[in-house]
Amino acid sequence: MFAADIRRQRVSRMKGFQQWRWHLDEVFVNINGERHYMWHAVDHEGEVLESYVTKKRDRSAALAFLKKALKRHGGAETIVTDGLKSYPAAMRELGNL
């Protein structure tokens, strides 16, 4: 069984869970001497659902990250962030806020 199969099985089992909660965060990383941002979505069990690397830390980067995570894992009952204003702006554009 491959990691993608395990992830799909886990996500399908968790879709019925009532408190499906994501924690979103971004960190600075250096790649080849350049600053980039790594975005993470972590579920309520501490499993990393999605990671995404961008050169910018703005609404469009947050939107691309959220679209990728939502497409692969579906929606969350609750989304917890660190207060970065890019998240609510991206969620408004998606119609989630």
PDB file of N, CA and C in Angstrom:
ATOM      1  N   MET A   1       0.853  -1.171   0.000  1.00  0.00           N
ATOM      2  CA  MET A   1       0.000   0.000   0.000  1.00  0.00           C
ATOM      3  C   MET A   1       0.902   1.238   0.000  1.00  0.00           C
ATOM      4  N   PHE A   2       0.549   2.207  -0.807  1.00  0.00           N
ATOM      5  CA  PHE A   2       1.334   3.429  -0.923  1.00  0.00           C
ATOM      6  C   PHE A   2       0.779   4.515  -0.006  1.00  0.00           C
ATOM      7  N   ALA A   3       1.586   5.539   0.235  1.00  0.00           N
ATOM      8  CA  ALA A   3       1.184   6.628   1.135  1.00  0.00           C
ATOM      9  C   ALA A   3      -0.104   7.294   0.673  1.00  0.00           C
ATOM     10  N   ALA A   4      -0.269   7.466  -0.630  1.00  0.00           N
ATOM     11  CA  ALA A   4      -1.492   8.104  -1.143  1.00  0.00           C
ATOM     12  C   ALA A   4      -2.718   7.258  -0.815  1.00  0.00           C
ATOM     13  N   ASP A   5      -2.592   5.932  -0.894  1.00  0.00           N
ATOM     14  CA  ASP A   5      -3.710   5.041  -0.558  1.00  0.00           C
ATOM     15  C   ASP A   5      -4.045   5.126   0.928  1.00  0.00           C
ATOM     16  N   ILE A   6      -3.015   5.136   1.749  1.00  0.00           N
ATOM     17  CA  ILE A   6      -3.228   5.245   3.196  1.00  0.00           C
ATOM     18  C   ILE A   6      -3.907   6.569   3.524  1.00  0.00           C
ATOM     19  N   ARG A   7      -3.455   7.654   2.898  1.00  0.00           N
ATOM     20  CA  ARG A   7      -4.048   8.975   3.135  1.00  0.00           C
ATOM     21  C   ARG A   7      -5.517   8.986   2.724  1.00  0.00           C
ATOM     22  N   ARG A   8      -5.834   8.417   1.561  1.00  0.00           N
ATOM     23  CA  ARG A   8      -7.229   8.388   1.100  1.00  0.00           C
ATOM     24  C   ARG A   8      -8.114   7.602   2.066  1.00  0.00           C
ATOM     25  N   GLN A   9      -7.633   6.454   2.535  1.00  0.00           N
ATOM     26  CA  GLN A   9      -8.412   5.653   3.478  1.00  0.00           C
ATOM     27  C   GLN A   9      -8.631   6.411   4.784  1.00  0.00           C
ATOM     28  N   ARG A  10      -7.575   7.054   5.269  1.00  0.00           N
ATOM     29  CA  ARG A  10      -7.684   7.796   6.518  1.00  0.00           C
ATOM     30  C   ARG A  10      -8.661   8.958   6.385  1.00  0.00           C
ATOM     31  N   VAL A  11      -8.568   9.691   5.301  1.00  0.00           N
ATOM     32  CA  VAL A  11      -9.458  10.831   5.087  1.00  0.00           C
ATOM     33  C   VAL A  11     -10.894  10.363   4.954  1.00  0.00           C
ATOM     34  N   SER A  12     -11.136   9.270   4.249  1.00  0.00           N
ATOM     35  CA  SER A  12     -12.513   8.787   4.091  1.00  0.00           C
ATOM     36  C   SER A  12     -13.089   8.343   5.433  1.00  0.00           C
ATOM     37  N   ARG A  13     -12.265   7.758   6.304  1.00  0.00           N
ATOM     38  CA  ARG A  13     -12.737   7.382   7.643  1.00  0.00           C
ATOM     39  C   ARG A  13     -13.042   8.612   8.487  1.00  0.00           C
ATOM     40  N   MET A  14     -12.235   9.665   8.329  1.00  0.00           N
ATOM     41  CA  MET A  14     -12.371  10.841   9.171  1.00  0.00           C
ATOM     42  C   MET A  14     -13.475  11.789   8.712  1.00  0.00           C
ATOM     43  N   LYS A  15     -13.986  11.635   7.503  1.00  0.00           N
ATOM     44  CA  LYS A  15     -15.010  12.572   7.020  1.00  0.00           C
ATOM     45  C   LYS A  15     -16.255  12.560   7.895  1.00  0.00           C
ATOM     46  N   GLY A  16     -16.553  11.448   8.549  1.00  0.00           N
ATOM     47  CA  GLY A  16     -17.700  11.370   9.436  1.00  0.00           C
ATOM     48  C   GLY A  16     -17.424  11.920  10.825  1.00  0.00           C
ATOM     49  N   PHE A  17     -16.187  12.230  11.125  1.00  0.00           N
ATOM     50  CA  PHE A  17     -15.814  12.750  12.437  1.00  0.00           C
ATOM     51  C   PHE A  17     -16.410  14.141  12.610  1.00  0.00           C
ATOM     52  N   GLN A  18     -17.044  14.387  13.747  1.00  0.00           N
ATOM     53  CA  GLN A  18     -17.788  15.631  13.961  1.00  0.00           C
ATOM     54  C   GLN A  18     -16.900  16.854  14.187  1.00  0.00           C
ATOM     55  N   GLN A  19     -15.734  16.682  14.735  1.00  0.00           N
ATOM     56  CA  GLN A  19     -14.876  17.819  15.073  1.00  0.00           C
ATOM     57  C   GLN A  19     -13.662  17.898  14.160  1.00  0.00           C
ATOM     58  N   TRP A  20     -13.857  17.748  12.857  1.00  0.00           N
ATOM     59  CA  TRP A  20     -12.764  17.806  11.887  1.00  0.00           C
ATOM     60  C   TRP A  20     -12.187  19.211  11.933  1.00  0.00           C
ATOM     61  N   ARG A  21     -10.982  19.353  12.506  1.00  0.00           N
ATOM     62  CA  ARG A  21     -10.385  20.662  12.737  1.00  0.00           C
ATOM     63  C   ARG A  21      -8.989  20.707  12.117  1.00  0.00           C
ATOM     64  N   TRP A  22      -8.721  21.795  11.415  1.00  0.00           N
ATOM     65  CA  TRP A  22      -7.402  22.009  10.824  1.00  0.00           C
ATOM     66  C   TRP A  22      -6.709  23.159  11.532  1.00  0.00           C
ATOM     67  N   HIS A  23      -5.409  23.032  11.676  1.00  0.00           N
ATOM     68  CA  HIS A  23      -4.553  24.121  12.136  1.00  0.00           C
ATOM     69  C   HIS A  23      -3.682  24.507  10.950  1.00  0.00           C
ATOM     70  N   LEU A  24      -3.717  25.780  10.580  1.00  0.00           N
ATOM     71  CA  LEU A  24      -2.940  26.271   9.442  1.00  0.00           C
ATOM     72  C   LEU A  24      -1.801  27.137   9.954  1.00  0.00           C
ATOM     73  N   ASP A  25      -0.631  26.955   9.365  1.00  0.00           N
ATOM     74  CA  ASP A  25       0.520  27.759   9.755  1.00  0.00           C
ATOM     75  C   ASP A  25       1.484  27.837   8.581  1.00  0.00           C
ATOM     76  N   GLU A  26       2.337  28.826   8.631  1.00  0.00           N
ATOM     77  CA  GLU A  26       3.360  28.989   7.600  1.00  0.00           C
ATOM     78  C   GLU A  26       4.677  29.291   8.305  1.00  0.00           C
ATOM     79  N   VAL A  27       5.757  28.798   7.717  1.00  0.00           N
ATOM     80  CA  VAL A  27       7.087  29.013   8.288  1.00  0.00           C
ATOM     81  C   VAL A  27       8.023  29.503   7.189  1.00  0.00           C
ATOM     82  N   PHE A  28       9.063  30.218   7.594  1.00  0.00           N
ATOM     83  CA  PHE A  28      10.085  30.677   6.659  1.00  0.00           C
ATOM     84  C   PHE A  28      11.073  29.540   6.450  1.00  0.00           C
ATOM     85  N   VAL A  29      11.442  29.294   5.203  1.00  0.00           N
ATOM     86  CA  VAL A  29      12.478  28.309   4.886  1.00  0.00           C
ATOM     87  C   VAL A  29      13.414  28.915   3.846  1.00  0.00           C
ATOM     88  N   ASN A  30      14.662  28.538   3.901  1.00  0.00           N
ATOM     89  CA  ASN A  30      15.627  28.973   2.897  1.00  0.00           C
ATOM     90  C   ASN A  30      15.859  27.833   1.918  1.00  0.00           C
ATOM     91  N   ILE A  31      15.649  28.113   0.648  1.00  0.00           N
ATOM     92  CA  ILE A  31      15.878  27.140  -0.410  1.00  0.00           C
ATOM     93  C   ILE A  31      16.858  27.775  -1.381  1.00  0.00           C
ATOM     94  N   ASN A  32      18.024  27.174  -1.513  1.00  0.00           N
ATOM     95  CA  ASN A  32      19.089  27.721  -2.367  1.00  0.00           C
ATOM     96  C   ASN A  32      19.398  29.180  -2.030  1.00  0.00           C
ATOM     97  N   GLY A  33      19.393  29.500  -0.743  1.00  0.00           N
ATOM     98  CA  GLY A  33      19.724  30.847  -0.303  1.00  0.00           C
ATOM     99  C   GLY A  33      18.612  31.865  -0.432  1.00  0.00           C
ATOM    100  N   GLU A  34      17.447  31.464  -0.911  1.00  0.00           N
ATOM    101  CA  GLU A  34      16.308  32.380  -1.056  1.00  0.00           C
ATOM    102  C   GLU A  34      15.238  32.056  -0.021  1.00  0.00           C
ATOM    103  N   ARG A  35      14.590  33.112   0.492  1.00  0.00           N
ATOM    104  CA  ARG A  35      13.522  32.918   1.473  1.00  0.00           C
ATOM    105  C   ARG A  35      12.240  32.492   0.767  1.00  0.00           C
ATOM    106  N   HIS A  36      11.660  31.413   1.269  1.00  0.00           N
ATOM    107  CA  HIS A  36      10.373  30.911   0.803  1.00  0.00           C
ATOM    108  C   HIS A  36       9.498  30.687   2.029  1.00  0.00           C
ATOM    109  N   TYR A  37       8.254  30.373   1.786  1.00  0.00           N
ATOM    110  CA  TYR A  37       7.301  30.120   2.858  1.00  0.00           C
ATOM    111  C   TYR A  37       6.702  28.736   2.658  1.00  0.00           C
ATOM    112  N   MET A  38       6.730  27.940   3.716  1.00  0.00           N
ATOM    113  CA  MET A  38       6.121  26.618   3.666  1.00  0.00           C
ATOM    114  C   MET A  38       4.841  26.664   4.490  1.00  0.00           C
ATOM    115  N   TRP A  39       3.739  26.416   3.821  1.00  0.00           N
ATOM    116  CA  TRP A  39       2.417  26.431   4.442  1.00  0.00           C
ATOM    117  C   TRP A  39       2.064  25.006   4.843  1.00  0.00           C
ATOM    118  N   HIS A  40       1.462  24.831   6.026  1.00  0.00           N
ATOM    119  CA  HIS A  40       1.079  23.512   6.513  1.00  0.00           C
ATOM    120  C   HIS A  40      -0.377  23.522   6.961  1.00  0.00           C
ATOM    121  N   ALA A  41      -1.065  22.428   6.685  1.00  0.00           N
ATOM    122  CA  ALA A  41      -2.379  22.161   7.262  1.00  0.00           C
ATOM    123  C   ALA A  41      -2.227  20.885   8.084  1.00  0.00           C
ATOM    124  N   VAL A  42      -2.538  20.982   9.376  1.00  0.00           N
ATOM    125  CA  VAL A  42      -2.399  19.856  10.294  1.00  0.00           C
ATOM    126  C   VAL A  42      -3.771  19.576  10.887  1.00  0.00           C
ATOM    127  N   ASP A  43      -4.157  18.296  10.957  1.00  0.00           N
ATOM    128  CA  ASP A  43      -5.480  17.975  11.499  1.00  0.00           C
ATOM    129  C   ASP A  43      -5.443  17.894  13.023  1.00  0.00           C
ATOM    130  N   HIS A  44      -6.607  17.595  13.607  1.00  0.00           N
ATOM    131  CA  HIS A  44      -6.756  17.575  15.059  1.00  0.00           C
ATOM    132  C   HIS A  44      -5.948  16.465  15.725  1.00  0.00           C
ATOM    133  N   GLU A  45      -5.467  15.494  14.952  1.00  0.00           N
ATOM    134  CA  GLU A  45      -4.636  14.423  15.500  1.00  0.00           C
ATOM    135  C   GLU A  45      -3.144  14.702  15.332  1.00  0.00           C
ATOM    136  N   GLY A  46      -2.804  15.831  14.713  1.00  0.00           N
ATOM    137  CA  GLY A  46      -1.407  16.177  14.510  1.00  0.00           C
ATOM    138  C   GLY A  46      -0.814  15.671  13.208  1.00  0.00           C
ATOM    139  N   GLU A  47      -1.639  15.087  12.356  1.00  0.00           N
ATOM    140  CA  GLU A  47      -1.174  14.600  11.058  1.00  0.00           C
ATOM    141  C   GLU A  47      -1.089  15.760  10.071  1.00  0.00           C
ATOM    142  N   VAL A  48       0.013  15.852   9.348  1.00  0.00           N
ATOM    143  CA  VAL A  48       0.154  16.880   8.318  1.00  0.00           C
ATOM    144  C   VAL A  48      -0.691  16.467   7.121  1.00  0.00           C
ATOM    145  N   LEU A  49      -1.692  17.282   6.802  1.00  0.00           N
ATOM    146  CA  LEU A  49      -2.573  16.998   5.673  1.00  0.00           C
ATOM    147  C   LEU A  49      -1.981  17.503   4.374  1.00  0.00           C
ATOM    148  N   GLU A  50      -1.412  18.685   4.432  1.00  0.00           N
ATOM    149  CA  GLU A  50      -0.934  19.322   3.202  1.00  0.00           C
ATOM    150  C   GLU A  50       0.227  20.248   3.521  1.00  0.00           C
ATOM    151  N   SER A  51       1.177  20.314   2.608  1.00  0.00           N
ATOM    152  CA  SER A  51       2.279  21.276   2.667  1.00  0.00           C
ATOM    153  C   SER A  51       2.386  21.932   1.304  1.00  0.00           C
ATOM    154  N   TYR A  52       2.789  23.194   1.303  1.00  0.00           N
ATOM    155  CA  TYR A  52       2.846  23.948   0.053  1.00  0.00           C
ATOM    156  C   TYR A  52       3.924  25.014   0.198  1.00  0.00           C
ATOM    157  N   VAL A  53       4.803  25.146  -0.782  1.00  0.00           N
ATOM    158  CA  VAL A  53       5.896  26.115  -0.728  1.00  0.00           C
ATOM    159  C   VAL A  53       5.629  27.232  -1.732  1.00  0.00           C
ATOM    160  N   THR A  54       5.771  28.498  -1.266  1.00  0.00           N
ATOM    161  CA  THR A  54       5.585  29.661  -2.135  1.00  0.00           C
ATOM    162  C   THR A  54       6.709  30.662  -1.898  1.00  0.00           C
ATOM    163  N   LYS A  55       6.864  31.585  -2.837  1.00  0.00           N
ATOM    164  CA  LYS A  55       7.851  32.655  -2.670  1.00  0.00           C
ATOM    165  C   LYS A  55       7.266  33.839  -1.910  1.00  0.00           C
ATOM    166  N   LYS A  56       5.940  33.948  -1.898  1.00  0.00           N
ATOM    167  CA  LYS A  56       5.289  35.077  -1.227  1.00  0.00           C
ATOM    168  C   LYS A  56       4.402  34.570  -0.099  1.00  0.00           C
ATOM    169  N   ARG A  57       4.098  35.478   0.802  1.00  0.00           N
ATOM    170  CA  ARG A  57       3.235  35.181   1.948  1.00  0.00           C
ATOM    171  C   ARG A  57       2.080  36.173   1.899  1.00  0.00           C
ATOM    172  N   ASP A  58       1.191  35.969   0.921  1.00  0.00           N
ATOM    173  CA  ASP A  58       0.101  36.908   0.704  1.00  0.00           C
ATOM    174  C   ASP A  58      -1.208  36.155   0.468  1.00  0.00           C
ATOM    175  N   ARG A  59      -2.254  36.922   0.139  1.00  0.00           N
ATOM    176  CA  ARG A  59      -3.573  36.333  -0.057  1.00  0.00           C
ATOM    177  C   ARG A  59      -3.571  35.298  -1.170  1.00  0.00           C
ATOM    178  N   SER A  60      -2.912  35.586  -2.275  1.00  0.00           N
ATOM    179  CA  SER A  60      -2.930  34.645  -3.400  1.00  0.00           C
ATOM    180  C   SER A  60      -2.207  33.345  -3.046  1.00  0.00           C
ATOM    181  N   ALA A  61      -1.139  33.421  -2.259  1.00  0.00           N
ATOM    182  CA  ALA A  61      -0.444  32.205  -1.822  1.00  0.00           C
ATOM    183  C   ALA A  61      -1.327  31.406  -0.866  1.00  0.00           C
ATOM    184  N   ALA A  62      -1.986  32.101   0.069  1.00  0.00           N
ATOM    185  CA  ALA A  62      -2.892  31.423   0.998  1.00  0.00           C
ATOM    186  C   ALA A  62      -4.056  30.795   0.247  1.00  0.00           C
ATOM    187  N   LEU A  63      -4.561  31.480  -0.764  1.00  0.00           N
ATOM    188  CA  LEU A  63      -5.667  30.959  -1.563  1.00  0.00           C
ATOM    189  C   LEU A  63      -5.253  29.695  -2.313  1.00  0.00           C
ATOM    190  N   ALA A  64      -4.088  29.706  -2.930  1.00  0.00           N
ATOM    191  CA  ALA A  64      -3.606  28.521  -3.649  1.00  0.00           C
ATOM    192  C   ALA A  64      -3.427  27.347  -2.692  1.00  0.00           C
ATOM    193  N   PHE A  65      -2.878  27.614  -1.513  1.00  0.00           N
ATOM    194  CA  PHE A  65      -2.683  26.576  -0.504  1.00  0.00           C
ATOM    195  C   PHE A  65      -4.019  26.001  -0.041  1.00  0.00           C
ATOM    196  N   LEU A  66      -4.977  26.870   0.278  1.00  0.00           N
ATOM    197  CA  LEU A  66      -6.283  26.400   0.739  1.00  0.00           C
ATOM    198  C   LEU A  66      -7.021  25.619  -0.340  1.00  0.00           C
ATOM    199  N   LYS A  67      -6.956  26.075  -1.579  1.00  0.00           N
ATOM    200  CA  LYS A  67      -7.606  25.345  -2.672  1.00  0.00           C
ATOM    201  C   LYS A  67      -7.028  23.943  -2.802  1.00  0.00           C
ATOM    202  N   LYS A  68      -5.714  23.843  -2.709  1.00  0.00           N
ATOM    203  CA  LYS A  68      -5.052  22.539  -2.809  1.00  0.00           C
ATOM    204  C   LYS A  68      -5.486  21.625  -1.662  1.00  0.00           C
ATOM    205  N   ALA A  69      -5.492  22.155  -0.441  1.00  0.00           N
ATOM    206  CA  ALA A  69      -5.866  21.358   0.726  1.00  0.00           C
ATOM    207  C   ALA A  69      -7.335  20.945   0.673  1.00  0.00           C
ATOM    208  N   LEU A  70      -8.213  21.873   0.299  1.00  0.00           N
ATOM    209  CA  LEU A  70      -9.641  21.563   0.231  1.00  0.00           C
ATOM    210  C   LEU A  70      -9.947  20.556  -0.869  1.00  0.00           C
ATOM    211  N   LYS A  71      -9.263  20.659  -1.980  1.00  0.00           N
ATOM    212  CA  LYS A  71      -9.494  19.719  -3.081  1.00  0.00           C
ATOM    213  C   LYS A  71      -9.119  18.303  -2.665  1.00  0.00           C
ATOM    214  N   ARG A  72      -8.026  18.172  -1.946  1.00  0.00           N
ATOM    215  CA  ARG A  72      -7.548  16.846  -1.571  1.00  0.00           C
ATOM    216  C   ARG A  72      -8.269  16.275  -0.355  1.00  0.00           C
ATOM    217  N   HIS A  73      -8.640  17.125   0.620  1.00  0.00           N
ATOM    218  CA  HIS A  73      -9.140  16.624   1.897  1.00  0.00           C
ATOM    219  C   HIS A  73     -10.565  17.039   2.232  1.00  0.00           C
ATOM    220  N   GLY A  74     -11.216  17.825   1.396  1.00  0.00           N
ATOM    221  CA  GLY A  74     -12.551  18.300   1.730  1.00  0.00           C
ATOM    222  C   GLY A  74     -12.467  19.411   2.766  1.00  0.00           C
ATOM    223  N   GLY A  75     -13.603  19.835   3.259  1.00  0.00           N
ATOM    224  CA  GLY A  75     -13.635  20.950   4.198  1.00  0.00           C
ATOM    225  C   GLY A  75     -13.400  20.529   5.631  1.00  0.00           C
ATOM    226  N   ALA A  76     -13.173  21.512   6.483  1.00  0.00           N
ATOM    227  CA  ALA A  76     -12.988  21.287   7.911  1.00  0.00           C
ATOM    228  C   ALA A  76     -14.121  21.969   8.661  1.00  0.00           C
ATOM    229  N   GLU A  77     -14.500  21.399   9.777  1.00  0.00           N
ATOM    230  CA  GLU A  77     -15.523  22.008  10.627  1.00  0.00           C
ATOM    231  C   GLU A  77     -15.004  23.324  11.212  1.00  0.00           C
ATOM    232  N   THR A  78     -13.748  23.314  11.633  1.00  0.00           N
ATOM    233  CA  THR A  78     -13.111  24.480  12.236  1.00  0.00           C
ATOM    234  C   THR A  78     -11.714  24.638  11.650  1.00  0.00           C
ATOM    235  N   ILE A  79     -11.321  25.882  11.383  1.00  0.00           N
ATOM    236  CA  ILE A  79      -9.964  26.165  10.923  1.00  0.00           C
ATOM    237  C   ILE A  79      -9.329  27.137  11.907  1.00  0.00           C
ATOM    238  N   VAL A  80      -8.193  26.740  12.468  1.00  0.00           N
ATOM    239  CA  VAL A  80      -7.465  27.547  13.440  1.00  0.00           C
ATOM    240  C   VAL A  80      -6.222  28.094  12.750  1.00  0.00           C
ATOM    241  N   THR A  81      -5.996  29.410  12.853  1.00  0.00           N
ATOM    242  CA  THR A  81      -4.821  30.029  12.226  1.00  0.00           C
ATOM    243  C   THR A  81      -4.027  30.804  13.269  1.00  0.00           C
ATOM    244  N   ASP A  82      -2.882  31.304  12.845  1.00  0.00           N
ATOM    245  CA  ASP A  82      -2.036  32.107  13.726  1.00  0.00           C
ATOM    246  C   ASP A  82      -2.377  33.593  13.658  1.00  0.00           C
ATOM    247  N   GLY A  83      -3.423  33.955  12.934  1.00  0.00           N
ATOM    248  CA  GLY A  83      -3.844  35.350  12.848  1.00  0.00           C
ATOM    249  C   GLY A  83      -3.354  36.084  11.614  1.00  0.00           C
ATOM    250  N   LEU A  84      -2.628  35.402  10.732  1.00  0.00           N
ATOM    251  CA  LEU A  84      -2.180  36.029   9.489  1.00  0.00           C
ATOM    252  C   LEU A  84      -3.401  36.480   8.695  1.00  0.00           C
ATOM    253  N   LYS A  85      -3.432  37.726   8.283  1.00  0.00           N
ATOM    254  CA  LYS A  85      -4.610  38.285   7.612  1.00  0.00           C
ATOM    255  C   LYS A  85      -4.851  37.693   6.226  1.00  0.00           C
ATOM    256  N   SER A  86      -3.873  37.014   5.661  1.00  0.00           N
ATOM    257  CA  SER A  86      -4.044  36.379   4.353  1.00  0.00           C
ATOM    258  C   SER A  86      -5.052  35.233   4.407  1.00  0.00           C
ATOM    259  N   TYR A  87      -5.140  34.549   5.557  1.00  0.00           N
ATOM    260  CA  TYR A  87      -6.075  33.426   5.660  1.00  0.00           C
ATOM    261  C   TYR A  87      -7.533  33.875   5.528  1.00  0.00           C
ATOM    262  N   PRO A  88      -8.007  34.857   6.336  1.00  0.00           N
ATOM    263  CA  PRO A  88      -9.399  35.277   6.186  1.00  0.00           C
ATOM    264  C   PRO A  88      -9.696  35.846   4.806  1.00  0.00           C
ATOM    265  N   ALA A  89      -8.736  36.550   4.209  1.00  0.00           N
ATOM    266  CA  ALA A  89      -8.948  37.098   2.865  1.00  0.00           C
ATOM    267  C   ALA A  89      -9.137  35.969   1.857  1.00  0.00           C
ATOM    268  N   ALA A  90      -8.325  34.928   1.961  1.00  0.00           N
ATOM    269  CA  ALA A  90      -8.455  33.782   1.056  1.00  0.00           C
ATOM    270  C   ALA A  90      -9.754  33.029   1.321  1.00  0.00           C
ATOM    271  N   MET A  91     -10.130  32.876   2.594  1.00  0.00           N
ATOM    272  CA  MET A  91     -11.366  32.164   2.936  1.00  0.00           C
ATOM    273  C   MET A  91     -12.591  32.929   2.453  1.00  0.00           C
ATOM    274  N   ARG A  92     -12.549  34.256   2.532  1.00  0.00           N
ATOM    275  CA  ARG A  92     -13.671  35.047   2.007  1.00  0.00           C
ATOM    276  C   ARG A  92     -13.817  34.818   0.509  1.00  0.00           C
ATOM    277  N   GLU A  93     -12.699  34.774  -0.191  1.00  0.00           N
ATOM    278  CA  GLU A  93     -12.750  34.548  -1.636  1.00  0.00           C
ATOM    279  C   GLU A  93     -13.312  33.166  -1.966  1.00  0.00           C
ATOM    280  N   LEU A  94     -13.044  32.197  -1.098  1.00  0.00           N
ATOM    281  CA  LEU A  94     -13.586  30.852  -1.294  1.00  0.00           C
ATOM    282  C   LEU A  94     -15.034  30.745  -0.821  1.00  0.00           C
ATOM    283  N   GLY A  95     -15.505  31.761  -0.095  1.00  0.00           N
ATOM    284  CA  GLY A  95     -16.868  31.734   0.420  1.00  0.00           C
ATOM    285  C   GLY A  95     -16.994  30.973   1.721  1.00  0.00           C
ATOM    286  N   ASN A  96     -15.903  30.800   2.450  1.00  0.00           N
ATOM    287  CA  ASN A  96     -15.911  30.034   3.695  1.00  0.00           C
ATOM    288  C   ASN A  96     -15.967  30.898   4.940  1.00  0.00           C
ATOM    289  N   LEU A  97     -16.084  32.212   4.791  1.00  0.00           N
ATOM    290  CA  LEU A  97     -16.078  33.056   5.983  1.00  0.00           C
ATOM    291  C   LEU A  97     -17.172  34.085   5.897  1.00  0.00           C
TER     292      LEU A  97
END
